[in-house]
C-alpha atoms as a PDB file:
ATOM      1  CA  MET A   1     -24.051 -23.086  -1.685  1.00  0.00           C
ATOM      2  CA  PHE A   2     -25.371 -19.822  -3.053  1.00  0.00           C
ATOM      3  CA  GLU A   3     -23.547 -17.855  -5.745  1.00  0.00           C
ATOM      4  CA  LEU A   4     -24.041 -14.199  -6.829  1.00  0.00           C
ATOM      5  CA  LYS A   5     -24.940 -13.993 -10.477  1.00  0.00           C
ATOM      6  CA  PRO A   6     -24.546 -10.916 -12.627  1.00  0.00           C
ATOM      7  CA  CYS A   7     -27.976  -9.356 -13.151  1.00  0.00           C
ATOM      8  CA  ASP A   8     -29.130  -6.304 -14.988  1.00  0.00           C
ATOM      9  CA  PRO A   9     -31.252  -4.365 -12.532  1.00  0.00           C
ATOM     10  CA  ALA A  10     -33.790  -3.142 -15.094  1.00  0.00           C
ATOM     11  CA  THR A  11     -34.275  -6.569 -16.584  1.00  0.00           C
ATOM     12  CA  PHE A  12     -34.524  -7.994 -12.967  1.00  0.00           C
ATOM     13  CA  ARG A  13     -37.228  -5.640 -12.025  1.00  0.00           C
ATOM     14  CA  GLN A  14     -39.127  -6.208 -15.229  1.00  0.00           C
ATOM     15  CA  GLN A  15     -39.016 -10.032 -14.716  1.00  0.00           C
ATOM     16  CA  THR A  16     -39.975  -9.911 -11.138  1.00  0.00           C
ATOM     17  CA  ARG A  17     -42.891  -7.575 -11.821  1.00  0.00           C
ATOM     18  CA  ARG A  18     -43.997 -10.039 -14.529  1.00  0.00           C
ATOM     19  CA  SER A  19     -43.777 -13.089 -12.174  1.00  0.00           C
ATOM     20  CA  THR A  20     -45.627 -11.182  -9.409  1.00  0.00           C
ATOM     21  CA  LEU A  21     -48.449 -10.316 -11.836  1.00  0.00           C
ATOM     22  CA  ILE A  22     -48.689 -13.918 -12.959  1.00  0.00           C
ATOM     23  CA  VAL A  23     -48.830 -15.224  -9.309  1.00  0.00           C
ATOM     24  CA  ALA A  24     -51.297 -12.467  -8.281  1.00  0.00           C
ATOM     25  CA  VAL A  25     -53.673 -13.272 -11.186  1.00  0.00           C
ATOM     26  CA  LEU A  26     -53.414 -16.977 -10.412  1.00  0.00           C
ATOM     27  CA  PHE A  27     -54.241 -16.296  -6.739  1.00  0.00           C
ATOM     28  CA  VAL A  28     -57.172 -14.058  -7.585  1.00  0.00           C
ATOM     29  CA  ALA A  29     -58.618 -16.574  -9.979  1.00  0.00           C
ATOM     30  CA  LEU A  30     -58.151 -19.491  -7.596  1.00  0.00           C
ATOM     31  CA  ALA A  31     -59.581 -17.532  -4.668  1.00  0.00           C
ATOM     32  CA  MET A  32     -62.726 -16.415  -6.674  1.00  0.00           C
ATOM     33  CA  LEU A  33     -63.165 -19.835  -8.221  1.00  0.00           C
ATOM     34  CA  LEU A  34     -62.920 -21.646  -4.843  1.00  0.00           C
ATOM     35  CA  SER A  35     -65.002 -19.202  -2.997  1.00  0.00           C
ATOM     36  CA  SER A  36     -67.766 -19.415  -5.523  1.00  0.00           C
ATOM     37  CA  LEU A  37     -67.499 -23.203  -5.570  1.00  0.00           C
ATOM     38  CA  ALA A  38     -67.648 -23.460  -1.796  1.00  0.00           C
ATOM     39  CA  VAL A  39     -70.713 -21.129  -1.682  1.00  0.00           C
ATOM     40  CA  MET A  40     -72.390 -23.017  -4.489  1.00  0.00           C
ATOM     41  CA  LEU A  41     -71.779 -26.459  -2.860  1.00  0.00           C
ATOM     42  CA  PHE A  42     -72.226 -25.610   0.884  1.00  0.00           C
ATOM     43  CA  GLY A  43     -73.817 -22.191   1.080  1.00  0.00           C
ATOM     44  CA  GLU A  44     -77.357 -21.086   1.569  1.00  0.00           C
ATOM     45  CA  PRO A  45     -79.160 -18.921  -0.987  1.00  0.00           C
ATOM     46  CA  GLY A  46     -79.555 -15.476   0.555  1.00  0.00           C
ATOM     47  CA  GLY A  47     -77.795 -16.617   3.777  1.00  0.00           C
ATOM     48  CA  ASP A  48     -74.515 -15.657   5.371  1.00  0.00           C
ATOM     49  CA  ASN A  49     -71.855 -17.400   3.289  1.00  0.00           C
ATOM     50  CA  PHE A  50     -68.961 -15.344   4.655  1.00  0.00           C
ATOM     51  CA  ARG A  51     -67.139 -18.399   6.093  1.00  0.00           C
ATOM     52  CA  PHE A  52     -67.240 -20.207   2.638  1.00  0.00           C
ATOM     53  CA  ASN A  53     -65.871 -17.093   0.954  1.00  0.00           C
ATOM     54  CA  VAL A  54     -63.014 -16.887   3.515  1.00  0.00           C
ATOM     55  CA  GLY A  55     -62.413 -20.624   3.225  1.00  0.00           C
ATOM     56  CA  GLY A  56     -62.238 -20.373  -0.576  1.00  0.00           C
ATOM     57  CA  VAL A  57     -59.662 -17.472  -0.284  1.00  0.00           C
ATOM     58  CA  PHE A  58     -57.656 -19.430   2.263  1.00  0.00           C
ATOM     59  CA  ALA A  59     -57.618 -22.524   0.032  1.00  0.00           C
ATOM     60  CA  GLY A  60     -56.510 -20.183  -2.873  1.00  0.00           C
ATOM     61  CA  VAL A  61     -53.611 -18.933  -0.735  1.00  0.00           C
ATOM     62  CA  LEU A  62     -52.541 -22.495   0.103  1.00  0.00           C
ATOM     63  CA  ILE A  63     -52.771 -23.715  -3.528  1.00  0.00           C
ATOM     64  CA  THR A  64     -50.963 -20.655  -4.829  1.00  0.00           C
ATOM     65  CA  VAL A  65     -48.132 -21.168  -2.289  1.00  0.00           C
ATOM     66  CA  ALA A  66     -47.926 -24.840  -3.144  1.00  0.00           C
ATOM     67  CA  LEU A  67     -47.696 -24.092  -6.890  1.00  0.00           C
ATOM     68  CA  VAL A  68     -45.121 -21.409  -6.498  1.00  0.00           C
ATOM     69  CA  ARG A  69     -42.913 -23.451  -4.141  1.00  0.00           C
ATOM     70  CA  GLY A  70     -43.506 -26.646  -6.117  1.00  0.00           C
ATOM     71  CA  PRO A  71     -43.669 -26.793  -9.943  1.00  0.00           C
ATOM     72  CA  PHE A  72     -43.350 -22.992 -10.634  1.00  0.00           C
ATOM     73  CA  TRP A  73     -40.142 -22.751  -8.554  1.00  0.00           C
ATOM     74  CA  ARG A  74     -37.924 -24.066 -11.462  1.00  0.00           C
ATOM     75  CA  GLN A  75     -39.813 -22.228 -14.224  1.00  0.00           C
ATOM     76  CA  PRO A  76     -37.681 -19.604 -16.182  1.00  0.00           C
ATOM     77  CA  TRP A  77     -40.418 -16.968 -15.762  1.00  0.00           C
ATOM     78  CA  LEU A  78     -39.950 -17.085 -11.989  1.00  0.00           C
ATOM     79  CA  ALA A  79     -36.104 -17.397 -11.956  1.00  0.00           C
ATOM     80  CA  ALA A  80     -35.459 -13.732 -11.172  1.00  0.00           C
ATOM     81  CA  ALA A  81     -37.882 -13.629  -8.299  1.00  0.00           C
ATOM     82  CA  VAL A  82     -36.385 -16.918  -6.932  1.00  0.00           C
ATOM     83  CA  TYR A  83     -32.834 -15.555  -7.149  1.00  0.00           C
ATOM     84  CA  GLY A  84     -33.880 -12.330  -5.426  1.00  0.00           C
ATOM     85  CA  TRP A  85     -35.591 -14.401  -2.629  1.00  0.00           C
ATOM     86  CA  GLN A  86     -32.512 -16.550  -2.189  1.00  0.00           C
ATOM     87  CA  LEU A  87     -30.162 -13.608  -2.202  1.00  0.00           C
ATOM     88  CA  LYS A  88     -32.322 -11.924   0.503  1.00  0.00           C
ATOM     89  CA  ARG A  89     -32.449 -15.145   2.663  1.00  0.00           C
ATOM     90  CA  CYS A  90     -28.630 -15.483   2.538  1.00  0.00           C
ATOM     91  CA  LEU A  91     -28.104 -11.825   3.528  1.00  0.00           C
ATOM     92  CA  MET A  92     -30.596 -12.226   6.421  1.00  0.00           C
ATOM     93  CA  SER A  93     -28.916 -15.274   7.706  1.00  0.00           C
ATOM     94  CA  VAL A  94     -25.623 -13.360   7.791  1.00  0.00           C
ATOM     95  CA  THR A  95     -27.379 -10.320   9.315  1.00  0.00           C
ATOM     96  CA  ASN A  96     -28.781 -12.590  12.153  1.00  0.00           C
ATOM     97  CA  VAL A  97     -25.226 -13.379  13.343  1.00  0.00           C
ATOM     98  CA  MET A  98     -23.574 -10.079  12.351  1.00  0.00           C
ATOM     99  CA  HIS A  99     -22.389  -9.421  15.937  1.00  0.00           C
ATOM    100  CA  THR A 100     -20.456 -12.681  15.853  1.00  0.00           C
ATOM    101  CA  ILE A 101     -19.048 -11.924  12.422  1.00  0.00           C
ATOM    102  CA  THR A 102     -17.842  -8.430  13.176  1.00  0.00           C
ATOM    103  CA  GLU A 103     -16.106  -9.677  16.335  1.00  0.00           C
ATOM    104  CA  ARG A 104     -14.398 -12.550  14.399  1.00  0.00           C
ATOM    105  CA  VAL A 105     -13.387 -10.023  11.614  1.00  0.00           C
ATOM    106  CA  GLN A 106     -11.673  -7.933  14.213  1.00  0.00           C
ATOM    107  CA  ASN A 107      -9.735 -11.037  15.248  1.00  0.00           C
ATOM    108  CA  ASN A 108      -8.811 -11.595  11.530  1.00  0.00           C
ATOM    109  CA  ASP A 109     -10.769 -14.827  11.202  1.00  0.00           C
ATOM    110  CA  PRO A 110     -10.566 -15.624   7.444  1.00  0.00           C
ATOM    111  CA  THR A 111     -13.920 -17.306   7.290  1.00  0.00           C
ATOM    112  CA  ALA A 112     -15.635 -14.250   8.951  1.00  0.00           C
ATOM    113  CA  ILE A 113     -13.722 -11.878   6.597  1.00  0.00           C
ATOM    114  CA  LYS A 114     -15.015 -13.856   3.571  1.00  0.00           C
ATOM    115  CA  VAL A 115     -18.509 -14.039   4.962  1.00  0.00           C
ATOM    116  CA  LEU A 116     -18.504 -10.215   5.431  1.00  0.00           C
ATOM    117  CA  ARG A 117     -17.229  -9.601   2.027  1.00  0.00           C
ATOM    118  CA  PHE A 118     -19.917 -11.828   0.501  1.00  0.00           C
ATOM    119  CA  TYR A 119     -22.490  -9.840   2.612  1.00  0.00           C
ATOM    120  CA  HIS A 120     -21.147  -6.546   1.239  1.00  0.00           C
ATOM    121  CA  LEU A 121     -21.150  -7.797  -2.346  1.00  0.00           C
ATOM    122  CA  GLY A 122     -24.644  -9.315  -1.914  1.00  0.00           C
ATOM    123  CA  LEU A 123     -26.045  -6.256  -0.304  1.00  0.00           C
ATOM    124  CA  THR A 124     -24.558  -4.042  -3.030  1.00  0.00           C
ATOM    125  CA  GLN A 125     -26.206  -6.182  -5.626  1.00  0.00           C
ATOM    126  CA  MET A 126     -29.537  -6.352  -3.754  1.00  0.00           C
ATOM    127  CA  HIS A 127     -29.541  -2.440  -3.486  1.00  0.00           C
ATOM    128  CA  ALA A 128     -28.821  -2.165  -7.194  1.00  0.00           C
ATOM    129  CA  LEU A 129     -31.510  -4.729  -8.126  1.00  0.00           C
ATOM    130  CA  ASP A 130     -34.057  -2.904  -5.860  1.00  0.00           C
ATOM    131  CA  ALA A 131     -32.897   0.551  -7.155  1.00  0.00           C
ATOM    132  CA  ASN A 132     -32.034   1.635  -3.580  1.00  0.00           C
ATOM    133  CA  SER A 133     -29.106   3.914  -4.267  1.00  0.00           C
ATOM    134  CA  SER A 134     -29.438   5.839  -0.899  1.00  0.00           C
ATOM    135  CA  ALA A 135     -28.823   2.699   1.175  1.00  0.00           C
ATOM    136  CA  GLN A 136     -25.958   1.806  -1.100  1.00  0.00           C
ATOM    137  CA  ALA A 137     -24.364   5.151  -0.573  1.00  0.00           C
ATOM    138  CA  GLN A 138     -24.331   4.695   3.267  1.00  0.00           C
ATOM    139  CA  LEU A 139     -22.419   1.337   2.802  1.00  0.00           C
ATOM    140  CA  VAL A 140     -19.566   2.558   0.563  1.00  0.00           C
ATOM    141  CA  GLY A 141     -17.057   3.486   3.316  1.00  0.00           C
ATOM    142  CA  GLU A 142     -17.480   0.170   5.209  1.00  0.00           C
ATOM    143  CA  VAL A 143     -17.190  -1.886   2.035  1.00  0.00           C
ATOM    144  CA  GLU A 144     -13.996  -0.138   0.932  1.00  0.00           C
ATOM    145  CA  THR A 145     -12.405  -0.416   4.378  1.00  0.00           C
ATOM    146  CA  HIS A 146     -13.161  -4.076   4.636  1.00  0.00           C
ATOM    147  CA  LYS A 147     -11.862  -4.635   0.994  1.00  0.00           C
ATOM    148  CA  ALA A 148      -8.614  -2.889   1.913  1.00  0.00           C
ATOM    149  CA  LYS A 149      -8.231  -5.159   4.961  1.00  0.00           C
ATOM    150  CA  MET A 150      -8.664  -8.217   2.762  1.00  0.00           C
ATOM    151  CA  GLN A 151      -6.111  -7.044   0.280  1.00  0.00           C
ATOM    152  CA  ALA A 152      -3.615  -6.337   3.171  1.00  0.00           C
ATOM    153  CA  LEU A 153      -4.225  -9.940   4.513  1.00  0.00           C
ATOM    154  CA  GLY A 154      -3.846 -11.450   0.971  1.00  0.00           C
ATOM    155  CA  ILE A 155      -7.480 -12.668   0.883  1.00  0.00           C
ATOM    156  CA  ASN A 156      -9.288 -12.886  -2.470  1.00  0.00           C
ATOM    157  CA  THR A 157     -11.842 -10.008  -2.541  1.00  0.00           C
ATOM    158  CA  GLU A 158     -14.094 -11.724  -5.021  1.00  0.00           C
ATOM    159  CA  GLN A 159     -16.290 -13.683  -2.555  1.00  0.00           C
ATOM    160  CA  THR A 160     -19.290 -14.355  -4.713  1.00  0.00           C
ATOM    161  CA  GLN A 161     -20.136 -17.707  -3.111  1.00  0.00           C
ATOM    162  CA  PHE A 162     -21.760 -18.271   0.241  1.00  0.00           C
ATOM    163  CA  ASP A 163     -21.816 -21.538   2.131  1.00  0.00           C
ATOM    164  CA  PRO A 164     -24.290 -21.685   5.166  1.00  0.00           C
ATOM    165  CA  THR A 165     -21.908 -23.997   6.986  1.00  0.00           C
ATOM    166  CA  TRP A 166     -19.527 -21.043   7.337  1.00  0.00           C
ATOM    167  CA  LEU A 167     -22.047 -19.472   9.710  1.00  0.00           C
ATOM    168  CA  ASP A 168     -22.345 -22.620  11.738  1.00  0.00           C
ATOM    169  CA  ALA A 169     -18.543 -22.661  12.138  1.00  0.00           C
ATOM    170  CA  LEU A 170     -18.548 -18.999  13.227  1.00  0.00           C
ATOM    171  CA  LYS A 171     -21.282 -19.566  15.784  1.00  0.00           C
ATOM    172  CA  ARG A 172     -19.350 -22.386  17.344  1.00  0.00           C
ATOM    173  CA  ALA A 173     -16.019 -20.536  17.399  1.00  0.00           C
END
């Protein structure tokens, strides 16, 4: 279950820039260290050590990914980036079955209506966090029309939670 959280866009961008810088510096340091170590242990003085340099960079990528997805994932300094990643993953999972959702919304399926509302709220938040006001402006009419439909059907418009099992149910319907 994923839930939209209120986020200040400026603070979000500052925190994600900071975490990106930390991860990038970590990667560069690991790649340089591992490349140098590989050349020192296995290389030939004055020879072609390209493969050892590439191997060190590749090992740096693997270790960086393992650290980010492992112990760093729950660290407060990475929380904004993790939230942004999870939000985008949820929105992409909805986008992948949007044809089914829009069809089910036209048939007044309450689950599809809720999923589409979550999608609109999540997309609105993502555009705000990414400072993408032009994409948000294109969405306003569709969002308001769908919200009015929800109100007419008596469905709560505050759909800040998303359960991936809803998509499974819609795919099977």
